[in-house]
Amino acid sequence: MRTTVTLEGFKELDAALADMTKAVAKQVMRRALAKAAEPMAELARGFAPVDDGHLKGSIIVSTKLAGGGAGKKAFGKVMSSGGTRGEAVAVARDANRGQSLVGLAGYGRRTR
């Protein structure tokens, strides 16, 4: 099954956002995202099985990243222990993808 979607108005949106300060444009985009995502969340809540209601209640719309900070913490730990920026970026990426920080001990100051 193939679905085609046509979106219009992005040139106008881009122009309008360009006229705003970065902070205002970011807020506008966040509010628009939250408003547009709510019908999807309602649909998901409707399909959620109800044993004790926790799953249904946990489906929310948010513009904040969930669990934010795992990558930053991993990055900081590698950098503070003497690892290279490349190593820190790789570890941060893995942490943000939900992988464990096992192997983090392998990064650190090099002794000669």
PDB file of N, CA and C in Angstrom:
ATOM      1  N   MET A   1       0.841  -1.164   0.000  1.00  0.00           N
ATOM      2  CA  MET A   1       0.000   0.000   0.000  1.00  0.00           C
ATOM      3  C   MET A   1       0.895   1.239   0.000  1.00  0.00           C
ATOM      4  N   ARG A   2       0.608   2.156  -0.868  1.00  0.00           N
ATOM      5  CA  ARG A   2       1.418   3.366  -1.011  1.00  0.00           C
ATOM      6  C   ARG A   2       0.556   4.587  -0.712  1.00  0.00           C
ATOM      7  N   THR A   3       1.092   5.492   0.064  1.00  0.00           N
ATOM      8  CA  THR A   3       0.383   6.707   0.423  1.00  0.00           C
ATOM      9  C   THR A   3       1.190   7.909  -0.045  1.00  0.00           C
ATOM     10  N   THR A   4       0.515   8.871  -0.621  1.00  0.00           N
ATOM     11  CA  THR A   4       1.164  10.096  -1.057  1.00  0.00           C
ATOM     12  C   THR A   4       0.624  11.257  -0.228  1.00  0.00           C
ATOM     13  N   VAL A   5       1.529  12.064   0.272  1.00  0.00           N
ATOM     14  CA  VAL A   5       1.150  13.213   1.078  1.00  0.00           C
ATOM     15  C   VAL A   5       1.734  14.458   0.427  1.00  0.00           C
ATOM     16  N   THR A   6       0.920  15.478   0.280  1.00  0.00           N
ATOM     17  CA  THR A   6       1.380  16.741  -0.280  1.00  0.00           C
ATOM     18  C   THR A   6       1.322  17.804   0.810  1.00  0.00           C
ATOM     19  N   LEU A   7       2.440  18.438   1.036  1.00  0.00           N
ATOM     20  CA  LEU A   7       2.524  19.484   2.050  1.00  0.00           C
ATOM     21  C   LEU A   7       2.745  20.826   1.365  1.00  0.00           C
ATOM     22  N   GLU A   8       2.026  21.821   1.796  1.00  0.00           N
ATOM     23  CA  GLU A   8       2.137  23.146   1.213  1.00  0.00           C
ATOM     24  C   GLU A   8       2.380  24.177   2.310  1.00  0.00           C
ATOM     25  N   GLY A   9       2.966  25.287   1.922  1.00  0.00           N
ATOM     26  CA  GLY A   9       3.125  26.392   2.851  1.00  0.00           C
ATOM     27  C   GLY A   9       4.465  26.467   3.550  1.00  0.00           C
ATOM     28  N   PHE A  10       5.400  25.591   3.216  1.00  0.00           N
ATOM     29  CA  PHE A  10       6.674  25.599   3.920  1.00  0.00           C
ATOM     30  C   PHE A  10       7.548  26.801   3.565  1.00  0.00           C
ATOM     31  N   LYS A  11       7.452  27.293   2.329  1.00  0.00           N
ATOM     32  CA  LYS A  11       8.217  28.493   1.974  1.00  0.00           C
ATOM     33  C   LYS A  11       7.733  29.681   2.804  1.00  0.00           C
ATOM     34  N   GLU A  12       6.414  29.790   2.948  1.00  0.00           N
ATOM     35  CA  GLU A  12       5.840  30.876   3.727  1.00  0.00           C
ATOM     36  C   GLU A  12       6.201  30.736   5.209  1.00  0.00           C
ATOM     37  N   LEU A  13       6.163  29.503   5.700  1.00  0.00           N
ATOM     38  CA  LEU A  13       6.536  29.254   7.096  1.00  0.00           C
ATOM     39  C   LEU A  13       7.984  29.630   7.333  1.00  0.00           C
ATOM     40  N   ASP A  14       8.851  29.200   6.434  1.00  0.00           N
ATOM     41  CA  ASP A  14      10.272  29.539   6.550  1.00  0.00           C
ATOM     42  C   ASP A  14      10.487  31.046   6.594  1.00  0.00           C
ATOM     43  N   ALA A  15       9.783  31.763   5.725  1.00  0.00           N
ATOM     44  CA  ALA A  15       9.916  33.223   5.675  1.00  0.00           C
ATOM     45  C   ALA A  15       9.424  33.850   6.976  1.00  0.00           C
ATOM     46  N   ALA A  16       8.295  33.362   7.488  1.00  0.00           N
ATOM     47  CA  ALA A  16       7.746  33.911   8.736  1.00  0.00           C
ATOM     48  C   ALA A  16       8.678  33.642   9.909  1.00  0.00           C
ATOM     49  N   LEU A  17       9.236  32.433   9.984  1.00  0.00           N
ATOM     50  CA  LEU A  17      10.149  32.092  11.079  1.00  0.00           C
ATOM     51  C   LEU A  17      11.442  32.892  10.984  1.00  0.00           C
ATOM     52  N   ALA A  18      11.878  33.186   9.773  1.00  0.00           N
ATOM     53  CA  ALA A  18      13.115  33.948   9.584  1.00  0.00           C
ATOM     54  C   ALA A  18      12.958  35.377  10.107  1.00  0.00           C
ATOM     55  N   ASP A  19      11.728  35.887  10.120  1.00  0.00           N
ATOM     56  CA  ASP A  19      11.479  37.242  10.618  1.00  0.00           C
ATOM     57  C   ASP A  19      11.459  37.313  12.139  1.00  0.00           C
ATOM     58  N   MET A  20      11.424  36.176  12.804  1.00  0.00           N
ATOM     59  CA  MET A  20      11.358  36.133  14.270  1.00  0.00           C
ATOM     60  C   MET A  20      12.746  35.936  14.856  1.00  0.00           C
ATOM     61  N   THR A  21      12.878  36.263  16.132  1.00  0.00           N
ATOM     62  CA  THR A  21      14.134  35.934  16.807  1.00  0.00           C
ATOM     63  C   THR A  21      14.192  34.415  16.941  1.00  0.00           C
ATOM     64  N   LYS A  22      15.369  33.913  17.158  1.00  0.00           N
ATOM     65  CA  LYS A  22      15.542  32.461  17.261  1.00  0.00           C
ATOM     66  C   LYS A  22      14.701  31.884  18.400  1.00  0.00           C
ATOM     67  N   ALA A  23      14.679  32.556  19.530  1.00  0.00           N
ATOM     68  CA  ALA A  23      13.941  32.067  20.697  1.00  0.00           C
ATOM     69  C   ALA A  23      12.437  32.037  20.429  1.00  0.00           C
ATOM     70  N   VAL A  24      11.915  33.087  19.800  1.00  0.00           N
ATOM     71  CA  VAL A  24      10.484  33.142  19.502  1.00  0.00           C
ATOM     72  C   VAL A  24      10.123  32.066  18.473  1.00  0.00           C
ATOM     73  N   ALA A  25      10.945  31.914  17.451  1.00  0.00           N
ATOM     74  CA  ALA A  25      10.688  30.896  16.424  1.00  0.00           C
ATOM     75  C   ALA A  25      10.678  29.498  17.044  1.00  0.00           C
ATOM     76  N   LYS A  26      11.594  29.259  17.967  1.00  0.00           N
ATOM     77  CA  LYS A  26      11.667  27.956  18.633  1.00  0.00           C
ATOM     78  C   LYS A  26      10.390  27.690  19.438  1.00  0.00           C
ATOM     79  N   GLN A  27       9.915  28.711  20.154  1.00  0.00           N
ATOM     80  CA  GLN A  27       8.674  28.568  20.931  1.00  0.00           C
ATOM     81  C   GLN A  27       7.477  28.315  20.025  1.00  0.00           C
ATOM     82  N   VAL A  28       7.408  29.030  18.915  1.00  0.00           N
ATOM     83  CA  VAL A  28       6.310  28.847  17.958  1.00  0.00           C
ATOM     84  C   VAL A  28       6.316  27.411  17.436  1.00  0.00           C
ATOM     85  N   MET A  29       7.495  26.921  17.077  1.00  0.00           N
ATOM     86  CA  MET A  29       7.598  25.547  16.545  1.00  0.00           C
ATOM     87  C   MET A  29       7.219  24.525  17.618  1.00  0.00           C
ATOM     88  N   ARG A  30       7.621  24.754  18.852  1.00  0.00           N
ATOM     89  CA  ARG A  30       7.273  23.818  19.928  1.00  0.00           C
ATOM     90  C   ARG A  30       5.768  23.775  20.164  1.00  0.00           C
ATOM     91  N   ARG A  31       5.122  24.948  20.182  1.00  0.00           N
ATOM     92  CA  ARG A  31       3.668  24.980  20.387  1.00  0.00           C
ATOM     93  C   ARG A  31       2.944  24.300  19.231  1.00  0.00           C
ATOM     94  N   ALA A  32       3.417  24.539  18.009  1.00  0.00           N
ATOM     95  CA  ALA A  32       2.796  23.921  16.832  1.00  0.00           C
ATOM     96  C   ALA A  32       2.970  22.402  16.875  1.00  0.00           C
ATOM     97  N   LEU A  33       4.151  21.941  17.261  1.00  0.00           N
ATOM     98  CA  LEU A  33       4.406  20.508  17.371  1.00  0.00           C
ATOM     99  C   LEU A  33       3.479  19.872  18.402  1.00  0.00           C
ATOM    100  N   ALA A  34       3.373  20.498  19.560  1.00  0.00           N
ATOM    101  CA  ALA A  34       2.524  19.943  20.623  1.00  0.00           C
ATOM    102  C   ALA A  34       1.067  19.877  20.179  1.00  0.00           C
ATOM    103  N   LYS A  35       0.602  20.916  19.517  1.00  0.00           N
ATOM    104  CA  LYS A  35      -0.790  20.937  19.061  1.00  0.00           C
ATOM    105  C   LYS A  35      -1.029  19.881  17.981  1.00  0.00           C
ATOM    106  N   ALA A  36      -0.089  19.733  17.064  1.00  0.00           N
ATOM    107  CA  ALA A  36      -0.232  18.764  15.977  1.00  0.00           C
ATOM    108  C   ALA A  36      -0.099  17.321  16.468  1.00  0.00           C
ATOM    109  N   ALA A  37       0.675  17.105  17.523  1.00  0.00           N
ATOM    110  CA  ALA A  37       0.921  15.756  18.018  1.00  0.00           C
ATOM    111  C   ALA A  37      -0.188  15.233  18.929  1.00  0.00           C
ATOM    112  N   GLU A  38      -1.000  16.123  19.478  1.00  0.00           N
ATOM    113  CA  GLU A  38      -2.027  15.685  20.426  1.00  0.00           C
ATOM    114  C   GLU A  38      -3.028  14.683  19.828  1.00  0.00           C
ATOM    115  N   PRO A  39      -3.523  14.874  18.584  1.00  0.00           N
ATOM    116  CA  PRO A  39      -4.428  13.862  18.027  1.00  0.00           C
ATOM    117  C   PRO A  39      -3.780  12.473  17.918  1.00  0.00           C
ATOM    118  N   MET A  40      -2.488  12.444  17.631  1.00  0.00           N
ATOM    119  CA  MET A  40      -1.774  11.171  17.557  1.00  0.00           C
ATOM    120  C   MET A  40      -1.688  10.523  18.941  1.00  0.00           C
ATOM    121  N   ALA A  41      -1.439  11.324  19.957  1.00  0.00           N
ATOM    122  CA  ALA A  41      -1.374  10.812  21.325  1.00  0.00           C
ATOM    123  C   ALA A  41      -2.742  10.295  21.769  1.00  0.00           C
ATOM    124  N   GLU A  42      -3.803  11.009  21.400  1.00  0.00           N
ATOM    125  CA  GLU A  42      -5.163  10.554  21.729  1.00  0.00           C
ATOM    126  C   GLU A  42      -5.447   9.199  21.102  1.00  0.00           C
ATOM    127  N   LEU A  43      -5.038   9.041  19.853  1.00  0.00           N
ATOM    128  CA  LEU A  43      -5.233   7.764  19.157  1.00  0.00           C
ATOM    129  C   LEU A  43      -4.463   6.649  19.862  1.00  0.00           C
ATOM    130  N   ALA A  44      -3.216   6.935  20.243  1.00  0.00           N
ATOM    131  CA  ALA A  44      -2.392   5.944  20.947  1.00  0.00           C
ATOM    132  C   ALA A  44      -3.019   5.578  22.289  1.00  0.00           C
ATOM    133  N   ARG A  45      -3.541   6.574  23.010  1.00  0.00           N
ATOM    134  CA  ARG A  45      -4.211   6.291  24.290  1.00  0.00           C
ATOM    135  C   ARG A  45      -5.424   5.400  24.077  1.00  0.00           C
ATOM    136  N   GLY A  46      -6.129   5.622  22.978  1.00  0.00           N
ATOM    137  CA  GLY A  46      -7.311   4.812  22.680  1.00  0.00           C
ATOM    138  C   GLY A  46      -6.973   3.355  22.404  1.00  0.00           C
ATOM    139  N   PHE A  47      -5.795   3.105  21.832  1.00  0.00           N
ATOM    140  CA  PHE A  47      -5.381   1.737  21.522  1.00  0.00           C
ATOM    141  C   PHE A  47      -4.615   1.067  22.663  1.00  0.00           C
ATOM    142  N   ALA A  48      -4.249   1.814  23.688  1.00  0.00           N
ATOM    143  CA  ALA A  48      -3.456   1.262  24.792  1.00  0.00           C
ATOM    144  C   ALA A  48      -4.295   0.279  25.601  1.00  0.00           C
ATOM    145  N   PRO A  49      -3.738  -0.914  25.874  1.00  0.00           N
ATOM    146  CA  PRO A  49      -4.463  -1.864  26.719  1.00  0.00           C
ATOM    147  C   PRO A  49      -4.559  -1.322  28.149  1.00  0.00           C
ATOM    148  N   VAL A  50      -5.650  -1.647  28.821  1.00  0.00           N
ATOM    149  CA  VAL A  50      -5.860  -1.119  30.165  1.00  0.00           C
ATOM    150  C   VAL A  50      -5.861  -2.268  31.164  1.00  0.00           C
ATOM    151  N   ASP A  51      -4.742  -2.457  31.835  1.00  0.00           N
ATOM    152  CA  ASP A  51      -4.677  -3.396  32.951  1.00  0.00           C
ATOM    153  C   ASP A  51      -4.880  -2.601  34.228  1.00  0.00           C
ATOM    154  N   ASP A  52      -3.943  -1.658  34.423  1.00  0.00           N
ATOM    155  CA  ASP A  52      -4.066  -0.786  35.590  1.00  0.00           C
ATOM    156  C   ASP A  52      -4.087   0.682  35.188  1.00  0.00           C
ATOM    157  N   GLY A  53      -4.028   0.965  33.881  1.00  0.00           N
ATOM    158  CA  GLY A  53      -4.135   2.331  33.384  1.00  0.00           C
ATOM    159  C   GLY A  53      -2.845   3.101  33.301  1.00  0.00           C
ATOM    160  N   HIS A  54      -1.724   2.498  33.710  1.00  0.00           N
ATOM    161  CA  HIS A  54      -0.459   3.224  33.710  1.00  0.00           C
ATOM    162  C   HIS A  54       0.040   3.536  32.299  1.00  0.00           C
ATOM    163  N   LEU A  55      -0.133   2.596  31.373  1.00  0.00           N
ATOM    164  CA  LEU A  55       0.338   2.833  30.008  1.00  0.00           C
ATOM    165  C   LEU A  55      -0.438   3.973  29.374  1.00  0.00           C
ATOM    166  N   LYS A  56      -1.738   3.919  29.466  1.00  0.00           N
ATOM    167  CA  LYS A  56      -2.575   4.963  28.878  1.00  0.00           C
ATOM    168  C   LYS A  56      -2.216   6.334  29.456  1.00  0.00           C
ATOM    169  N   GLY A  57      -1.994   6.395  30.747  1.00  0.00           N
ATOM    170  CA  GLY A  57      -1.654   7.655  31.398  1.00  0.00           C
ATOM    171  C   GLY A  57      -0.257   8.150  31.091  1.00  0.00           C
ATOM    172  N   SER A  58       0.601   7.250  30.617  1.00  0.00           N
ATOM    173  CA  SER A  58       1.979   7.649  30.346  1.00  0.00           C
ATOM    174  C   SER A  58       2.164   8.197  28.932  1.00  0.00           C
ATOM    175  N   ILE A  59       1.142   8.120  28.107  1.00  0.00           N
ATOM    176  CA  ILE A  59       1.242   8.634  26.741  1.00  0.00           C
ATOM    177  C   ILE A  59       0.945  10.127  26.781  1.00  0.00           C
ATOM    178  N   ILE A  60       1.980  10.914  26.621  1.00  0.00           N
ATOM    179  CA  ILE A  60       1.850  12.370  26.704  1.00  0.00           C
ATOM    180  C   ILE A  60       2.519  13.019  25.497  1.00  0.00           C
ATOM    181  N   VAL A  61       2.197  14.255  25.275  1.00  0.00           N
ATOM    182  CA  VAL A  61       2.861  15.056  24.250  1.00  0.00           C
ATOM    183  C   VAL A  61       3.807  15.997  24.970  1.00  0.00           C
ATOM    184  N   SER A  62       5.060  15.987  24.550  1.00  0.00           N
ATOM    185  CA  SER A  62       6.053  16.853  25.172  1.00  0.00           C
ATOM    186  C   SER A  62       7.058  17.294  24.126  1.00  0.00           C
ATOM    187  N   THR A  63       7.577  18.468  24.271  1.00  0.00           N
ATOM    188  CA  THR A  63       8.620  18.944  23.370  1.00  0.00           C
ATOM    189  C   THR A  63       9.996  18.810  24.009  1.00  0.00           C
ATOM    190  N   LYS A  64      10.050  18.186  25.150  1.00  0.00           N
ATOM    191  CA  LYS A  64      11.323  17.953  25.833  1.00  0.00           C
ATOM    192  C   LYS A  64      11.814  16.556  25.485  1.00  0.00           C
ATOM    193  N   LEU A  65      13.120  16.388  25.397  1.00  0.00           N
ATOM    194  CA  LEU A  65      13.691  15.077  25.128  1.00  0.00           C
ATOM    195  C   LEU A  65      13.596  14.219  26.374  1.00  0.00           C
ATOM    196  N   ALA A  66      13.184  12.999  26.197  1.00  0.00           N
ATOM    197  CA  ALA A  66      13.074  12.081  27.326  1.00  0.00           C
ATOM    198  C   ALA A  66      14.463  11.638  27.775  1.00  0.00           C
ATOM    199  N   GLY A  67      14.670  11.600  29.060  1.00  0.00           N
ATOM    200  CA  GLY A  67      15.934  11.104  29.602  1.00  0.00           C
ATOM    201  C   GLY A  67      17.128  11.971  29.245  1.00  0.00           C
ATOM    202  N   GLY A  68      16.884  13.189  28.854  1.00  0.00           N
ATOM    203  CA  GLY A  68      17.950  14.058  28.391  1.00  0.00           C
ATOM    204  C   GLY A  68      19.131  14.080  29.334  1.00  0.00           C
ATOM    205  N   GLY A  69      20.296  13.982  28.777  1.00  0.00           N
ATOM    206  CA  GLY A  69      21.487  14.096  29.579  1.00  0.00           C
ATOM    207  C   GLY A  69      22.394  12.883  29.549  1.00  0.00           C
ATOM    208  N   ALA A  70      21.899  11.736  29.096  1.00  0.00           N
ATOM    209  CA  ALA A  70      22.746  10.541  29.085  1.00  0.00           C
ATOM    210  C   ALA A  70      23.972  10.764  28.211  1.00  0.00           C
ATOM    211  N   GLY A  71      23.757  11.335  27.035  1.00  0.00           N
ATOM    212  CA  GLY A  71      24.865  11.593  26.124  1.00  0.00           C
ATOM    213  C   GLY A  71      25.819  12.636  26.667  1.00  0.00           C
ATOM    214  N   LYS A  72      25.259  13.694  27.264  1.00  0.00           N
ATOM    215  CA  LYS A  72      26.109  14.752  27.824  1.00  0.00           C
ATOM    216  C   LYS A  72      26.959  14.224  28.959  1.00  0.00           C
ATOM    217  N   LYS A  73      26.361  13.397  29.808  1.00  0.00           N
ATOM    218  CA  LYS A  73      27.110  12.833  30.932  1.00  0.00           C
ATOM    219  C   LYS A  73      28.237  11.944  30.425  1.00  0.00           C
ATOM    220  N   ALA A  74      27.923  11.103  29.439  1.00  0.00           N
ATOM    221  CA  ALA A  74      28.931  10.200  28.893  1.00  0.00           C
ATOM    222  C   ALA A  74      30.056  10.993  28.226  1.00  0.00           C
ATOM    223  N   PHE A  75      29.674  12.020  27.461  1.00  0.00           N
ATOM    224  CA  PHE A  75      30.656  12.868  26.792  1.00  0.00           C
ATOM    225  C   PHE A  75      31.595  13.505  27.820  1.00  0.00           C
ATOM    226  N   GLY A  76      31.011  14.082  28.856  1.00  0.00           N
ATOM    227  CA  GLY A  76      31.798  14.732  29.896  1.00  0.00           C
ATOM    228  C   GLY A  76      32.738  13.776  30.609  1.00  0.00           C
ATOM    229  N   LYS A  77      32.245  12.578  30.856  1.00  0.00           N
ATOM    230  CA  LYS A  77      33.069  11.596  31.574  1.00  0.00           C
ATOM    231  C   LYS A  77      34.292  11.208  30.744  1.00  0.00           C
ATOM    232  N   VAL A  78      34.093  10.995  29.439  1.00  0.00           N
ATOM    233  CA  VAL A  78      35.222  10.636  28.578  1.00  0.00           C
ATOM    234  C   VAL A  78      36.204  11.792  28.476  1.00  0.00           C
ATOM    235  N   MET A  79      35.688  13.007  28.275  1.00  0.00           N
ATOM    236  CA  MET A  79      36.576  14.162  28.136  1.00  0.00           C
ATOM    237  C   MET A  79      37.356  14.430  29.425  1.00  0.00           C
ATOM    238  N   SER A  80      36.692  14.306  30.577  1.00  0.00           N
ATOM    239  CA  SER A  80      37.380  14.589  31.838  1.00  0.00           C
ATOM    240  C   SER A  80      38.402  13.521  32.196  1.00  0.00           C
ATOM    241  N   SER A  81      38.244  12.332  31.603  1.00  0.00           N
ATOM    242  CA  SER A  81      39.219  11.283  31.888  1.00  0.00           C
ATOM    243  C   SER A  81      40.333  11.242  30.845  1.00  0.00           C
ATOM    244  N   GLY A  82      40.362  12.239  29.955  1.00  0.00           N
ATOM    245  CA  GLY A  82      41.467  12.344  29.012  1.00  0.00           C
ATOM    246  C   GLY A  82      41.202  11.752  27.649  1.00  0.00           C
ATOM    247  N   GLY A  83      39.998  11.336  27.368  1.00  0.00           N
ATOM    248  CA  GLY A  83      39.683  10.789  26.054  1.00  0.00           C
ATOM    249  C   GLY A  83      39.657  11.877  24.998  1.00  0.00           C
ATOM    250  N   THR A  84      39.682  11.451  23.748  1.00  0.00           N
ATOM    251  CA  THR A  84      39.629  12.419  22.654  1.00  0.00           C
ATOM    252  C   THR A  84      38.187  12.836  22.406  1.00  0.00           C
ATOM    253  N   ARG A  85      38.027  13.926  21.674  1.00  0.00           N
ATOM    254  CA  ARG A  85      36.688  14.402  21.325  1.00  0.00           C
ATOM    255  C   ARG A  85      35.948  13.344  20.496  1.00  0.00           C
ATOM    256  N   GLY A  86      36.643  12.702  19.593  1.00  0.00           N
ATOM    257  CA  GLY A  86      36.032  11.657  18.764  1.00  0.00           C
ATOM    258  C   GLY A  86      35.509  10.499  19.607  1.00  0.00           C
ATOM    259  N   GLU A  87      36.312  10.091  20.588  1.00  0.00           N
ATOM    260  CA  GLU A  87      35.882   9.014  21.487  1.00  0.00           C
ATOM    261  C   GLU A  87      34.661   9.451  22.296  1.00  0.00           C
ATOM    262  N   ALA A  88      34.695  10.690  22.771  1.00  0.00           N
ATOM    263  CA  ALA A  88      33.589  11.209  23.584  1.00  0.00           C
ATOM    264  C   ALA A  88      32.300  11.292  22.768  1.00  0.00           C
ATOM    265  N   VAL A  89      32.412  11.731  21.527  1.00  0.00           N
ATOM    266  CA  VAL A  89      31.236  11.823  20.660  1.00  0.00           C
ATOM    267  C   VAL A  89      30.648  10.428  20.420  1.00  0.00           C
ATOM    268  N   ALA A  90      31.503   9.443  20.175  1.00  0.00           N
ATOM    269  CA  ALA A  90      31.024   8.076  19.935  1.00  0.00           C
ATOM    270  C   ALA A  90      30.303   7.518  21.160  1.00  0.00           C
ATOM    271  N   VAL A  91      30.861   7.750  22.345  1.00  0.00           N
ATOM    272  CA  VAL A  91      30.247   7.264  23.580  1.00  0.00           C
ATOM    273  C   VAL A  91      28.929   7.994  23.839  1.00  0.00           C
ATOM    274  N   ALA A  92      28.902   9.304  23.580  1.00  0.00           N
ATOM    275  CA  ALA A  92      27.674  10.089  23.775  1.00  0.00           C
ATOM    276  C   ALA A  92      26.584   9.595  22.833  1.00  0.00           C
ATOM    277  N   ARG A  93      26.938   9.329  21.594  1.00  0.00           N
ATOM    278  CA  ARG A  93      25.975   8.833  20.615  1.00  0.00           C
ATOM    279  C   ARG A  93      25.380   7.504  21.080  1.00  0.00           C
ATOM    280  N   ASP A  94      26.237   6.606  21.545  1.00  0.00           N
ATOM    281  CA  ASP A  94      25.757   5.311  22.045  1.00  0.00           C
ATOM    282  C   ASP A  94      24.836   5.492  23.244  1.00  0.00           C
ATOM    283  N   ALA A  95      25.190   6.399  24.141  1.00  0.00           N
ATOM    284  CA  ALA A  95      24.367   6.636  25.327  1.00  0.00           C
ATOM    285  C   ALA A  95      23.006   7.197  24.931  1.00  0.00           C
ATOM    286  N   ASN A  96      22.988   8.100  23.960  1.00  0.00           N
ATOM    287  CA  ASN A  96      21.718   8.667  23.507  1.00  0.00           C
ATOM    288  C   ASN A  96      20.850   7.640  22.808  1.00  0.00           C
ATOM    289  N   ARG A  97      21.464   6.635  22.246  1.00  0.00           N
ATOM    290  CA  ARG A  97      20.717   5.557  21.587  1.00  0.00           C
ATOM    291  C   ARG A  97      20.254   4.508  22.591  1.00  0.00           C
ATOM    292  N   GLY A  98      20.572   4.722  23.848  1.00  0.00           N
ATOM    293  CA  GLY A  98      20.102   3.815  24.882  1.00  0.00           C
ATOM    294  C   GLY A  98      21.040   2.672  25.185  1.00  0.00           C
ATOM    295  N   GLN A  99      22.228   2.696  24.600  1.00  0.00           N
ATOM    296  CA  GLN A  99      23.182   1.643  24.883  1.00  0.00           C
ATOM    297  C   GLN A  99      23.854   1.944  26.206  1.00  0.00           C
ATOM    298  N   SER A 100      24.333   0.906  26.826  1.00  0.00           N
ATOM    299  CA  SER A 100      24.933   1.080  28.150  1.00  0.00           C
ATOM    300  C   SER A 100      26.288   1.763  28.039  1.00  0.00           C
ATOM    301  N   LEU A 101      26.764   2.213  29.163  1.00  0.00           N
ATOM    302  CA  LEU A 101      28.062   2.867  29.207  1.00  0.00           C
ATOM    303  C   LEU A 101      29.177   1.872  29.513  1.00  0.00           C
ATOM    304  N   VAL A 102      28.918   0.591  29.307  1.00  0.00           N
ATOM    305  CA  VAL A 102      29.951  -0.416  29.505  1.00  0.00           C
ATOM    306  C   VAL A 102      31.060  -0.135  28.505  1.00  0.00           C
ATOM    307  N   GLY A 103      32.259  -0.207  28.925  1.00  0.00           N
ATOM    308  CA  GLY A 103      33.384   0.083  28.057  1.00  0.00           C
ATOM    309  C   GLY A 103      33.878   1.506  28.217  1.00  0.00           C
ATOM    310  N   LEU A 104      33.170   2.295  28.971  1.00  0.00           N
ATOM    311  CA  LEU A 104      33.571   3.667  29.214  1.00  0.00           C
ATOM    312  C   LEU A 104      34.909   3.703  29.948  1.00  0.00           C
ATOM    313  N   ALA A 105      35.166   2.697  30.740  1.00  0.00           N
ATOM    314  CA  ALA A 105      36.409   2.646  31.500  1.00  0.00           C
ATOM    315  C   ALA A 105      37.619   2.527  30.573  1.00  0.00           C
ATOM    316  N   GLY A 106      37.421   2.094  29.353  1.00  0.00           N
ATOM    317  CA  GLY A 106      38.515   1.951  28.406  1.00  0.00           C
ATOM    318  C   GLY A 106      39.046   3.285  27.899  1.00  0.00           C
ATOM    319  N   TYR A 107      38.299   4.359  28.146  1.00  0.00           N
ATOM    320  CA  TYR A 107      38.727   5.675  27.714  1.00  0.00           C
ATOM    321  C   TYR A 107      39.366   6.385  28.886  1.00  0.00           C
ATOM    322  N   GLY A 108      40.450   7.019  28.671  1.00  0.00           N
ATOM    323  CA  GLY A 108      41.075   7.732  29.779  1.00  0.00           C
ATOM    324  C   GLY A 108      42.453   8.223  29.407  1.00  0.00           C
ATOM    325  N   ARG A 109      43.134   8.692  30.404  1.00  0.00           N
ATOM    326  CA  ARG A 109      44.465   9.252  30.156  1.00  0.00           C
ATOM    327  C   ARG A 109      45.407   8.151  29.701  1.00  0.00           C
ATOM    328  N   ARG A 110      46.173   8.512  28.716  1.00  0.00           N
ATOM    329  CA  ARG A 110      47.127   7.549  28.185  1.00  0.00           C
ATOM    330  C   ARG A 110      48.441   7.723  28.950  1.00  0.00           C
ATOM    331  N   THR A 111      48.982   6.647  29.390  1.00  0.00           N
ATOM    332  CA  THR A 111      50.260   6.722  30.104  1.00  0.00           C
ATOM    333  C   THR A 111      51.309   6.103  29.215  1.00  0.00           C
ATOM    334  N   ARG A 112      52.497   6.621  29.326  1.00  0.00           N
ATOM    335  CA  ARG A 112      53.598   6.091  28.481  1.00  0.00           C
ATOM    336  C   ARG A 112      54.624   5.459  29.336  1.00  0.00           C
TER     337      ARG A 112
END
